[in-house]
Amino acid sequence: MDKRSTRLSLPEAPRNFGFYVDGKSVPAGDRELFERTSPGHGVAVTRIPKCTAADLDMAVDAARRAFDDRRWSGLNGQARAAVLLRAGALIRERAEEIAYWETLENGKPISQARAEVMGCADMYEYASGLARSLHGDSFNNLGDGMFGLVTREPVGVVGIITPWNFPFLILCERVPYILASGCTIVAKPSEVTSATTLILAEIMTEAGLPDGCMNVVTGSGSTIGQALIEHPRVDMLSFTGSTAVGRRVVEAAGKSNFKKLGLELGGKNPQIVFADADLDDAADGVAFGIGFNTGQCCVSGSRLIVERSVADKFADMVKAKFAKVRVGDPLDEATQIGAITTEAQNRVIMDYIARGQNEGARLICGGEQLEISGGQYIAPTLFGDVTQDMAIAREEIFGPVLTVMPFDTVEDAIAIANDTEYGLAASVWTKNIDKALMVTRRVQAGRFWVNTTLAGGPELPLGGFKQSGWGREAGVYGVEEYTQIKSVHIEIGKRQPWVE
């Protein structure tokens, strides 16, 4: 059988999970359960407990004890690195299981989920080296009577709130770096995609992470998530989600204990295509940039800004790419675009498509709901005749919807790209190095790609400008993000008396 046509089977029954505190799974017991239906198939696949405020307190207390008694932060870098390396190896061993449940709950293609899981293993292996290399600084220029040190210390207990679009990947862009710094964790995944976060907690314990250093509570964002944000015994919070919710996170954190925040928020990301680009490569990259993860990606290239002389031709090239993209059952290895993850998001995307047409944009292709395997699917959608004031050009749709806007000069392209409240990511396609560098320098975005898109690895940091967030994840910056700096002054020799 052609491997590309291989389709995995659905589970015979939903898989039941508990939540995870102090190194062990806690059964759901008499707690209310959330039953997750696969968005690609319309059948129940997992059951997750709806945790209570008392459950959250138990998890935070476990993380607090684990941090305060230094069972993790007190270890040397080599010991932390060994745990992270082992975790990476265990992720590789259980990659098929993780990818399977990620696909069932999220609706992304199984081939994509597998690639993401292997990339997550890379994160642990890279972070293990950072656990050994994290260091401070020294000042030997304070005179003969003084020596100065700057040390980096772990922040403490870190809360992590992750969204449903990349449940495992976004988690793994944070957890190994947080642990490398010496912090402990309380994670709250989206209630619709909790399975792989709970699997990761098991893996961390098996890898040798001391009990209490990674805890997982499950439930809704409005209850458990909000309580985690406001919890006075949590020292820092990492939140990934919309800019609107990010604002509420800032307000809530300020009202509690002024906890440090790391925020990765929304994006309305430009893909700038010049006439001198390799247009075949660019068309493929643009299609990938909006089709990857069904467009449910904060760094999706959702605004196509293309030089006017090739705008119509290039739109036709992208349309041709969309026509060949394989939209289908996420459990089919041939699928490139899977299901929309939630019913609510499906409605949002379809509402934006209707709004775009009502505002006068021209629907070039797509725009319709697809009937596939009992799930919820939307055809890749391309709009022309789009102006900068239209909602589809300004607001984050979070779906496979691409808008085309022409430009005449480099200055025009930069101005259109920057005409947004967001600044998360951007791409430029050109064979002219001067233009590429100019655009890279002047477009306001935390991640930038030249003649590619959505590329990356554990070495380079992630994060946004403007209303796309605060702080950086991954790379050495991702470890430093979860530390605080202490200045130490050491007097040498006899003190000069203040009182004679």
Protein backbone atom coordinates (compact mmCIF):
# COMPACT_ATOMS: atom_id res chain seq x y z
CA MET A 1 0.00 0.00 0.00
CA ASP A 2 1.21 3.52 -0.78
CA LYS A 3 2.29 4.93 2.57
CA ARG A 4 0.76 8.28 1.72
CA SER A 5 -2.71 6.73 1.65
CA THR A 6 -2.38 5.01 5.03
CA ARG A 7 -5.18 5.99 7.42
CA LEU A 8 -5.05 5.33 11.14
CA SER A 9 -8.09 4.00 12.99
CA LEU A 10 -10.18 5.87 15.52
CA PRO A 11 -10.03 4.66 19.15
CA GLU A 12 -12.68 2.12 20.14
CA ALA A 13 -13.65 4.22 23.15
CA PRO A 14 -12.68 7.60 24.63
CA ARG A 15 -9.46 7.60 26.65
CA ASN A 16 -9.90 8.68 30.28
CA PHE A 17 -7.35 10.98 31.91
CA GLY A 18 -6.86 12.34 35.40
CA PHE A 19 -4.85 15.43 36.22
CA TYR A 20 -1.25 15.44 37.45
CA VAL A 21 0.09 16.61 40.80
CA ASP A 22 3.27 15.83 42.77
CA GLY A 23 4.58 13.18 40.39
CA LYS A 24 1.41 11.13 39.93
CA SER A 25 -1.87 11.11 38.08
CA VAL A 26 -4.89 12.01 40.19
CA PRO A 27 -8.04 10.14 39.09
CA ALA A 28 -11.05 12.21 38.08
CA GLY A 29 -13.13 10.62 40.83
CA ASP A 30 -16.47 12.37 41.23
CA ARG A 31 -15.33 15.50 39.39
CA GLU A 32 -17.29 16.61 36.35
CA LEU A 33 -15.75 15.42 33.08
CA PHE A 34 -15.17 17.22 29.79
CA GLU A 35 -15.66 14.87 26.86
CA ARG A 36 -13.71 15.91 23.78
CA THR A 37 -15.10 15.16 20.34
CA SER A 38 -12.59 14.81 17.50
CA PRO A 39 -13.09 17.80 15.18
CA GLY A 40 -12.06 15.65 12.22
CA HIS A 41 -14.56 12.87 12.82
CA GLY A 42 -17.28 13.98 15.22
CA VAL A 43 -16.72 11.13 17.70
CA ALA A 44 -15.71 11.27 21.38
CA VAL A 45 -11.99 10.60 21.90
CA THR A 46 -10.96 11.76 25.41
CA ARG A 47 -12.45 12.55 28.81
CA ILE A 48 -10.71 15.10 31.05
CA PRO A 49 -11.60 16.13 34.62
CA LYS A 50 -12.78 19.65 35.30
CA CYS A 51 -10.49 20.58 38.18
CA THR A 52 -11.63 22.66 41.12
CA ALA A 53 -10.01 25.62 42.87
CA ALA A 54 -8.87 23.18 45.57
CA ASP A 55 -7.18 21.05 42.91
CA LEU A 56 -5.32 24.10 41.62
CA ASP A 57 -4.21 24.99 45.15
CA MET A 58 -2.93 21.44 45.58
CA ALA A 59 -0.91 21.71 42.36
CA VAL A 60 0.51 25.13 43.22
CA ASP A 61 1.42 23.93 46.73
CA ALA A 62 3.26 20.96 45.24
CA ALA A 63 5.19 23.22 42.87
CA ARG A 64 5.90 25.67 45.69
CA ARG A 65 7.30 22.96 47.96
CA ALA A 66 9.39 21.54 45.16
CA PHE A 67 10.88 24.95 44.43
CA ASP A 68 11.41 26.06 48.01
CA ASP A 69 13.15 22.88 49.19
CA ARG A 70 15.49 23.15 46.18
CA ARG A 71 15.02 19.54 45.06
CA TRP A 72 15.36 20.85 41.47
CA SER A 73 16.78 24.37 41.62
CA GLY A 74 19.52 23.16 43.96
CA LEU A 75 20.83 20.59 41.49
CA ASN A 76 23.81 21.35 39.33
CA GLY A 77 23.46 21.94 35.61
CA GLN A 78 24.67 18.48 34.72
CA ALA A 79 21.91 16.82 36.77
CA ARG A 80 19.20 19.00 35.21
CA ALA A 81 20.63 18.38 31.75
CA ALA A 82 20.48 14.60 32.26
CA VAL A 83 16.75 14.77 33.01
CA LEU A 84 16.05 16.94 29.98
CA LEU A 85 18.07 14.66 27.70
CA ARG A 86 16.19 11.63 29.00
CA ALA A 87 12.88 13.43 28.44
CA GLY A 88 13.83 14.12 24.84
CA ALA A 89 14.60 10.43 24.30
CA LEU A 90 11.29 9.37 25.87
CA ILE A 91 9.37 11.80 23.67
CA ARG A 92 10.98 10.14 20.64
CA GLU A 93 10.01 6.71 21.99
CA ARG A 94 6.39 7.76 22.50
CA ALA A 95 6.19 10.04 19.45
CA GLU A 96 3.53 8.00 17.66
CA GLU A 97 1.27 7.94 20.71
CA ILE A 98 1.66 11.68 21.30
CA ALA A 99 1.03 12.53 17.64
CA TYR A 100 -2.05 10.30 17.52
CA TRP A 101 -3.79 11.95 20.47
CA GLU A 102 -2.69 15.39 19.31
CA THR A 103 -4.35 14.74 15.96
CA LEU A 104 -7.52 13.34 17.49
CA GLU A 105 -8.08 16.30 19.81
CA ASN A 106 -6.80 19.08 17.55
CA GLY A 107 -7.67 17.95 14.03
CA LYS A 108 -4.24 18.64 12.52
CA PRO A 109 -2.84 16.15 9.98
CA ILE A 110 -1.05 13.19 11.54
CA SER A 111 2.04 13.82 9.39
CA GLN A 112 2.27 17.36 10.78
CA ALA A 113 1.73 16.16 14.35
CA ARG A 114 4.56 13.63 14.01
CA ALA A 115 6.96 16.28 12.74
CA GLU A 116 6.02 18.62 15.56
CA VAL A 117 6.61 15.95 18.21
CA MET A 118 10.08 15.19 16.88
CA GLY A 119 10.83 18.92 16.86
CA CYS A 120 9.73 19.03 20.49
CA ALA A 121 12.30 16.35 21.37
CA ASP A 122 14.90 18.68 19.83
CA MET A 123 13.81 21.38 22.28
CA TYR A 124 14.67 19.19 25.26
CA GLU A 125 18.01 18.16 23.85
CA TYR A 126 18.96 21.76 23.12
CA ALA A 127 17.73 23.03 26.49
CA SER A 128 19.82 20.40 28.26
CA GLY A 129 22.95 22.21 27.09
CA LEU A 130 21.55 25.52 28.28
CA ALA A 131 21.02 24.04 31.75
CA ARG A 132 24.78 23.57 31.91
CA SER A 133 25.80 26.84 30.25
CA LEU A 134 23.49 29.31 32.02
CA HIS A 135 25.68 31.83 33.80
CA GLY A 136 25.94 35.34 35.14
CA ASP A 137 28.72 37.93 35.02
CA SER A 138 31.46 39.45 37.11
CA PHE A 139 32.89 42.94 37.58
CA ASN A 140 36.54 43.22 38.48
CA ASN A 141 36.66 46.96 37.84
CA LEU A 142 35.19 48.21 41.12
CA GLY A 143 38.55 48.97 42.73
CA ASP A 144 40.76 46.94 45.01
CA GLY A 145 38.19 46.95 47.80
CA MET A 146 35.20 45.54 45.94
CA PHE A 147 34.31 42.64 43.66
CA GLY A 148 30.95 42.41 41.85
CA LEU A 149 28.92 39.44 40.68
CA VAL A 150 25.71 39.21 38.71
CA THR A 151 23.88 35.91 39.15
CA ARG A 152 20.82 34.47 37.44
CA GLU A 153 18.36 32.73 39.71
CA PRO A 154 15.14 30.90 38.78
CA VAL A 155 11.99 32.99 39.16
CA GLY A 156 10.16 30.30 41.13
CA VAL A 157 6.80 28.69 40.40
CA VAL A 158 5.75 29.26 36.77
CA GLY A 159 2.20 28.89 35.53
CA ILE A 160 1.77 27.95 31.85
CA ILE A 161 -1.49 28.46 29.98
CA THR A 162 -1.42 26.96 26.49
CA PRO A 163 -3.94 27.16 23.62
CA TRP A 164 -5.57 24.46 21.49
CA ASN A 165 -3.79 25.11 18.20
CA PHE A 166 -0.37 23.62 19.10
CA PRO A 167 -0.98 21.84 22.42
CA PHE A 168 2.30 19.93 22.53
CA LEU A 169 4.57 22.22 20.51
CA ILE A 170 3.82 25.43 22.41
CA LEU A 171 4.17 23.54 25.69
CA CYS A 172 7.58 22.21 24.65
CA GLU A 173 8.74 25.63 23.53
CA ARG A 174 8.50 26.51 27.23
CA VAL A 175 8.79 23.54 29.59
CA PRO A 176 12.41 22.46 28.92
CA TYR A 177 13.68 26.06 29.10
CA ILE A 178 11.73 26.75 32.30
CA LEU A 179 13.13 23.58 33.85
CA ALA A 180 16.64 24.37 32.64
CA SER A 181 16.43 27.61 34.64
CA GLY A 182 15.52 25.70 37.82
CA CYS A 183 11.86 26.72 38.08
CA THR A 184 8.89 24.46 38.82
CA ILE A 185 5.67 24.35 36.78
CA VAL A 186 1.89 24.32 36.98
CA ALA A 187 0.50 23.88 33.45
CA LYS A 188 -3.10 24.48 32.36
CA PRO A 189 -3.78 23.24 28.81
CA SER A 190 -6.85 24.13 26.79
CA GLU A 191 -9.75 21.99 27.93
CA VAL A 192 -10.24 20.72 24.35
CA THR A 193 -6.62 19.55 23.90
CA SER A 194 -5.33 18.35 27.28
CA ALA A 195 -4.19 14.81 26.49
CA THR A 196 -0.63 15.44 25.31
CA THR A 197 0.14 17.80 28.19
CA LEU A 198 -0.81 15.04 30.62
CA ILE A 199 1.30 12.54 28.68
CA LEU A 200 4.26 14.93 28.91
CA ALA A 201 3.90 15.15 32.70
CA GLU A 202 4.19 11.34 32.87
CA ILE A 203 7.26 11.48 30.63
CA MET A 204 8.96 14.08 32.83
CA THR A 205 8.49 11.94 35.93
CA GLU A 206 9.85 8.88 34.11
CA ALA A 207 12.82 10.97 32.96
CA GLY A 208 13.74 11.66 36.59
CA LEU A 209 12.17 15.06 37.23
CA PRO A 210 11.53 15.26 40.99
CA ASP A 211 7.92 15.06 42.15
CA GLY A 212 6.10 18.37 42.20
CA CYS A 213 8.28 20.02 39.58
CA MET A 214 5.70 19.65 36.80
CA ASN A 215 2.00 19.61 37.62
CA VAL A 216 -1.00 19.76 35.25
CA VAL A 217 -4.48 21.00 36.09
CA THR A 218 -7.30 20.68 33.57
CA GLY A 219 -10.44 22.72 33.03
CA SER A 220 -11.70 25.87 31.39
CA GLY A 221 -9.77 29.07 30.95
CA SER A 222 -12.50 31.14 32.60
CA THR A 223 -12.27 29.17 35.85
CA ILE A 224 -9.01 27.29 36.36
CA GLY A 225 -7.03 29.45 33.94
CA GLN A 226 -8.20 32.67 35.57
CA ALA A 227 -7.47 31.29 39.04
CA LEU A 228 -3.94 30.35 37.94
CA ILE A 229 -3.34 33.86 36.59
CA GLU A 230 -4.49 35.38 39.87
CA HIS A 231 -2.83 32.86 42.19
CA PRO A 232 -0.61 34.69 44.73
CA ARG A 233 1.84 31.79 45.08
CA VAL A 234 2.67 31.68 41.37
CA ASP A 235 5.70 33.86 40.60
CA MET A 236 5.47 34.04 36.79
CA LEU A 237 2.92 33.21 34.15
CA SER A 238 3.47 32.22 30.52
CA PHE A 239 0.32 32.77 28.48
CA THR A 240 -0.22 32.01 24.79
CA GLY A 241 -3.48 33.13 23.23
CA SER A 242 -5.32 36.08 21.76
CA THR A 243 -4.34 39.69 22.35
CA ALA A 244 -7.80 40.38 23.83
CA VAL A 245 -7.34 37.70 26.50
CA GLY A 246 -3.72 38.82 26.97
CA ARG A 247 -4.96 42.22 28.09
CA ARG A 248 -7.09 40.55 30.75
CA VAL A 249 -4.08 38.51 31.86
CA VAL A 250 -2.09 41.71 32.40
CA GLU A 251 -4.92 43.23 34.43
CA ALA A 252 -5.39 40.11 36.56
CA ALA A 253 -1.68 39.70 37.24
CA GLY A 254 -1.46 43.31 38.35
CA LYS A 255 -4.32 42.83 40.78
CA SER A 256 -2.74 39.77 42.41
CA ASN A 257 1.01 39.74 43.12
CA PHE A 258 2.51 41.60 40.14
CA LYS A 259 3.79 38.29 38.81
CA LYS A 260 6.18 38.42 35.89
CA LEU A 261 4.51 37.69 32.55
CA GLY A 262 5.53 36.11 29.27
CA LEU A 263 2.90 36.70 26.59
CA GLU A 264 2.72 35.34 23.05
CA LEU A 265 -0.42 36.84 21.56
CA GLY A 266 -2.10 37.42 18.21
CA GLY A 267 -0.70 38.14 14.78
CA LYS A 268 -1.80 39.41 11.37
CA ASN A 269 1.39 38.52 9.61
CA PRO A 270 2.51 39.84 6.21
CA GLN A 271 4.07 37.86 3.40
CA ILE A 272 5.70 40.40 1.09
CA VAL A 273 6.37 39.17 -2.45
CA PHE A 274 8.46 41.20 -4.90
CA ALA A 275 8.33 40.74 -8.66
CA ASP A 276 11.97 39.58 -8.67
CA ALA A 277 11.26 36.67 -6.33
CA ASP A 278 11.27 33.06 -7.44
CA LEU A 279 7.49 33.16 -7.88
CA ASP A 280 7.08 29.38 -7.93
CA ASP A 281 8.84 29.09 -4.58
CA ALA A 282 6.95 32.07 -3.22
CA ALA A 283 3.54 30.71 -4.25
CA ASP A 284 4.29 27.40 -2.58
CA GLY A 285 5.57 29.17 0.55
CA VAL A 286 2.57 31.48 0.72
CA ALA A 287 0.17 28.54 0.39
CA PHE A 288 2.06 26.69 3.12
CA GLY A 289 2.18 29.80 5.32
CA ILE A 290 -1.61 30.05 5.46
CA GLY A 291 -2.46 26.36 5.10
CA PHE A 292 -0.18 24.99 7.82
CA ASN A 293 -2.22 23.89 10.84
CA THR A 294 -5.33 24.93 8.88
CA GLY A 295 -4.35 28.57 9.32
CA GLN A 296 -4.87 28.20 13.08
CA CYS A 297 -1.41 29.50 13.78
CA CYS A 298 -0.45 32.79 15.42
CA VAL A 299 2.41 33.19 12.91
CA SER A 300 0.34 32.30 9.82
CA GLY A 301 1.13 34.47 6.82
CA SER A 302 -2.43 35.76 6.43
CA ARG A 303 -1.73 39.02 4.52
CA LEU A 304 -0.25 38.61 1.05
CA ILE A 305 1.37 41.92 0.03
CA VAL A 306 2.52 41.53 -3.56
CA GLU A 307 4.14 43.85 -6.10
CA ARG A 308 1.44 45.20 -8.39
CA SER A 309 3.13 44.21 -11.67
CA VAL A 310 2.76 40.51 -10.76
CA ALA A 311 -0.19 40.67 -8.36
CA ASP A 312 -2.82 39.09 -10.62
CA LYS A 313 -0.45 36.45 -11.94
CA PHE A 314 0.72 35.57 -8.46
CA ALA A 315 -2.83 35.35 -7.09
CA ASP A 316 -3.59 32.83 -9.85
CA MET A 317 -0.49 30.85 -8.87
CA VAL A 318 -1.59 30.71 -5.23
CA LYS A 319 -5.11 29.73 -6.34
CA ALA A 320 -3.59 26.85 -8.33
CA LYS A 321 -1.64 25.73 -5.25
CA PHE A 322 -4.79 25.82 -3.11
CA ALA A 323 -6.57 23.64 -5.67
CA LYS A 324 -3.93 20.93 -5.25
CA VAL A 325 -3.71 20.98 -1.45
CA ARG A 326 -5.04 17.77 0.07
CA VAL A 327 -7.74 18.70 2.60
CA GLY A 328 -9.06 15.68 4.44
CA ASP A 329 -9.19 13.24 7.33
CA PRO A 330 -6.39 14.16 9.78
CA LEU A 331 -5.66 10.47 10.38
CA ASP A 332 -4.84 10.00 6.69
CA GLU A 333 -1.10 10.36 6.11
CA ALA A 334 -1.74 12.03 2.74
CA THR A 335 -3.68 14.92 4.32
CA GLN A 336 -2.04 18.35 4.28
CA ILE A 337 -4.85 20.45 5.79
CA GLY A 338 -7.04 18.96 8.48
CA ALA A 339 -10.08 19.99 10.48
CA ILE A 340 -10.98 23.23 12.25
CA THR A 341 -10.33 22.53 15.92
CA THR A 342 -13.50 23.88 17.55
CA GLU A 343 -17.06 24.56 16.44
CA ALA A 344 -16.74 28.11 17.76
CA GLN A 345 -13.65 28.77 15.63
CA ASN A 346 -15.35 27.24 12.61
CA ARG A 347 -18.17 29.76 13.00
CA VAL A 348 -15.71 32.63 13.43
CA ILE A 349 -13.88 31.77 10.21
CA MET A 350 -17.08 31.39 8.18
CA ASP A 351 -18.38 34.70 9.59
CA TYR A 352 -15.19 36.45 8.45
CA ILE A 353 -15.52 34.95 4.98
CA ALA A 354 -19.07 36.29 4.74
CA ARG A 355 -17.96 39.65 6.14
CA GLY A 356 -15.20 39.94 3.56
CA GLN A 357 -17.67 39.45 0.73
CA ASN A 358 -20.10 41.92 2.29
CA GLU A 359 -17.32 44.54 2.55
CA GLY A 360 -16.61 44.23 -1.17
CA ALA A 361 -13.64 41.85 -1.31
CA ARG A 362 -13.57 39.47 -4.28
CA LEU A 363 -13.64 35.78 -3.41
CA ILE A 364 -11.04 34.24 -5.74
CA CYS A 365 -11.38 30.69 -4.44
CA GLY A 366 -12.55 28.65 -1.48
CA GLY A 367 -14.86 30.09 1.13
CA GLU A 368 -17.00 27.00 1.55
CA GLN A 369 -17.49 24.37 4.23
CA LEU A 370 -16.33 20.88 3.15
CA GLU A 371 -18.09 17.64 4.07
CA ILE A 372 -15.36 15.17 5.05
CA SER A 373 -15.42 12.21 7.47
CA GLY A 374 -18.07 13.73 9.73
CA GLY A 375 -15.87 16.62 10.83
CA GLN A 376 -15.61 20.38 10.27
CA TYR A 377 -13.45 21.56 7.35
CA ILE A 378 -13.05 24.80 5.41
CA ALA A 379 -11.53 25.08 1.94
CA PRO A 380 -8.40 27.29 1.67
CA THR A 381 -9.77 30.73 0.85
CA LEU A 382 -8.26 33.58 -1.17
CA PHE A 383 -9.62 37.13 -1.34
CA GLY A 384 -8.68 39.81 -3.88
CA ASP A 385 -9.63 43.51 -4.13
CA VAL A 386 -8.89 43.84 -0.42
CA THR A 387 -8.34 47.25 1.16
CA GLN A 388 -6.51 47.94 4.39
CA ASP A 389 -9.63 49.05 6.23
CA MET A 390 -11.47 45.74 5.76
CA ALA A 391 -11.89 43.47 8.77
CA ILE A 392 -10.39 40.52 6.88
CA ALA A 393 -7.22 42.60 6.36
CA ARG A 394 -6.95 43.89 9.93
CA GLU A 395 -8.32 41.27 12.33
CA GLU A 396 -6.85 37.89 13.16
CA ILE A 397 -9.12 35.29 11.54
CA PHE A 398 -7.19 32.21 12.71
CA GLY A 399 -8.15 30.09 9.76
CA PRO A 400 -7.15 29.29 6.14
CA VAL A 401 -8.10 32.74 4.79
CA LEU A 402 -5.58 34.80 2.79
CA THR A 403 -6.02 38.39 1.62
CA VAL A 404 -4.18 39.93 -1.35
CA MET A 405 -3.09 43.58 -1.35
CA PRO A 406 -0.83 45.07 -4.08
CA PHE A 407 2.03 47.54 -3.57
CA ASP A 408 4.08 49.74 -5.91
CA THR A 409 7.33 50.52 -4.03
CA VAL A 410 9.43 49.08 -1.22
CA GLU A 411 8.20 51.91 0.99
CA ASP A 412 4.60 51.01 0.21
CA ALA A 413 5.21 47.37 1.10
CA ILE A 414 6.79 48.27 4.43
CA ALA A 415 3.99 50.72 5.26
CA ILE A 416 1.26 48.16 4.52
CA ALA A 417 3.09 45.46 6.48
CA ASN A 418 3.40 47.73 9.54
CA ASP A 419 -0.20 48.98 9.36
CA THR A 420 -1.39 46.66 12.11
CA GLU A 421 -1.53 46.51 15.90
CA TYR A 422 0.38 43.23 15.72
CA GLY A 423 4.05 42.46 15.22
CA LEU A 424 4.53 38.73 15.61
CA ALA A 425 6.03 37.46 12.34
CA ALA A 426 6.69 38.38 8.70
CA SER A 427 8.14 36.94 5.50
CA VAL A 428 9.72 38.55 2.45
CA TRP A 429 10.28 36.91 -0.94
CA THR A 430 12.92 38.51 -3.20
CA LYS A 431 16.24 37.64 -4.83
CA ASN A 432 17.53 41.18 -4.19
CA ILE A 433 19.57 41.14 -0.98
CA ASP A 434 19.31 44.91 -0.52
CA LYS A 435 15.52 44.78 -0.56
CA ALA A 436 15.46 41.72 1.69
CA LEU A 437 17.65 43.41 4.32
CA MET A 438 15.76 46.69 4.14
CA VAL A 439 12.42 44.98 4.68
CA THR A 440 13.82 42.75 7.42
CA ARG A 441 15.13 45.77 9.30
CA ARG A 442 12.06 47.95 8.96
CA VAL A 443 9.07 45.64 9.27
CA GLN A 444 8.05 45.39 12.91
CA ALA A 445 7.99 41.69 13.74
CA GLY A 446 9.64 39.45 16.30
CA ARG A 447 10.25 36.60 13.83
CA PHE A 448 11.26 37.10 10.23
CA TRP A 449 11.75 34.78 7.27
CA VAL A 450 13.51 35.54 3.97
CA ASN A 451 12.54 33.33 1.01
CA THR A 452 10.92 30.87 3.40
CA THR A 453 8.23 30.90 6.07
CA LEU A 454 7.38 29.14 9.33
CA ALA A 455 10.92 27.77 9.54
CA GLY A 456 12.71 27.44 12.86
CA GLY A 457 14.25 25.35 15.57
CA PRO A 458 15.17 25.47 19.24
CA GLU A 459 18.12 27.83 18.83
CA LEU A 460 16.29 31.04 17.83
CA PRO A 461 13.88 32.90 20.12
CA LEU A 462 10.13 33.33 19.61
CA GLY A 463 8.04 36.38 20.47
CA GLY A 464 6.41 39.52 19.18
CA PHE A 465 6.54 43.27 18.88
CA LYS A 466 3.70 45.69 19.66
CA GLN A 467 0.46 44.00 20.77
CA SER A 468 1.74 40.55 19.87
CA GLY A 469 3.27 40.06 23.28
CA TRP A 470 6.05 40.43 25.81
CA GLY A 471 9.22 38.41 26.31
CA ARG A 472 10.87 35.63 24.35
CA GLU A 473 10.67 31.85 24.39
CA ALA A 474 13.24 29.28 23.21
CA GLY A 475 16.95 29.74 22.60
CA VAL A 476 19.17 30.95 25.41
CA TYR A 477 16.72 33.85 25.77
CA GLY A 478 14.01 31.35 26.67
CA VAL A 479 15.98 30.21 29.72
CA GLU A 480 16.95 33.74 30.74
CA GLU A 481 13.27 34.75 30.51
CA TYR A 482 12.54 32.55 33.54
CA THR A 483 15.37 33.90 35.67
CA GLN A 484 15.80 37.01 37.73
CA ILE A 485 19.06 38.89 38.09
CA LYS A 486 20.80 39.50 41.40
CA SER A 487 23.69 41.89 41.92
CA VAL A 488 26.21 40.81 44.57
CA HIS A 489 28.83 43.18 46.02
CA ILE A 490 31.73 41.60 47.90
CA GLU A 491 33.97 43.84 49.99
CA ILE A 492 37.61 42.82 50.13
CA GLY A 493 39.79 43.47 53.14
CA LYS A 494 39.18 45.83 56.07
CA ARG A 495 36.10 48.04 56.00
CA GLN A 496 36.57 51.83 56.00
CA PRO A 497 34.74 52.81 59.26
CA TRP A 498 31.62 54.96 58.99
CA VAL A 499 31.67 55.65 62.74
CA GLU A 500 35.09 56.45 64.22
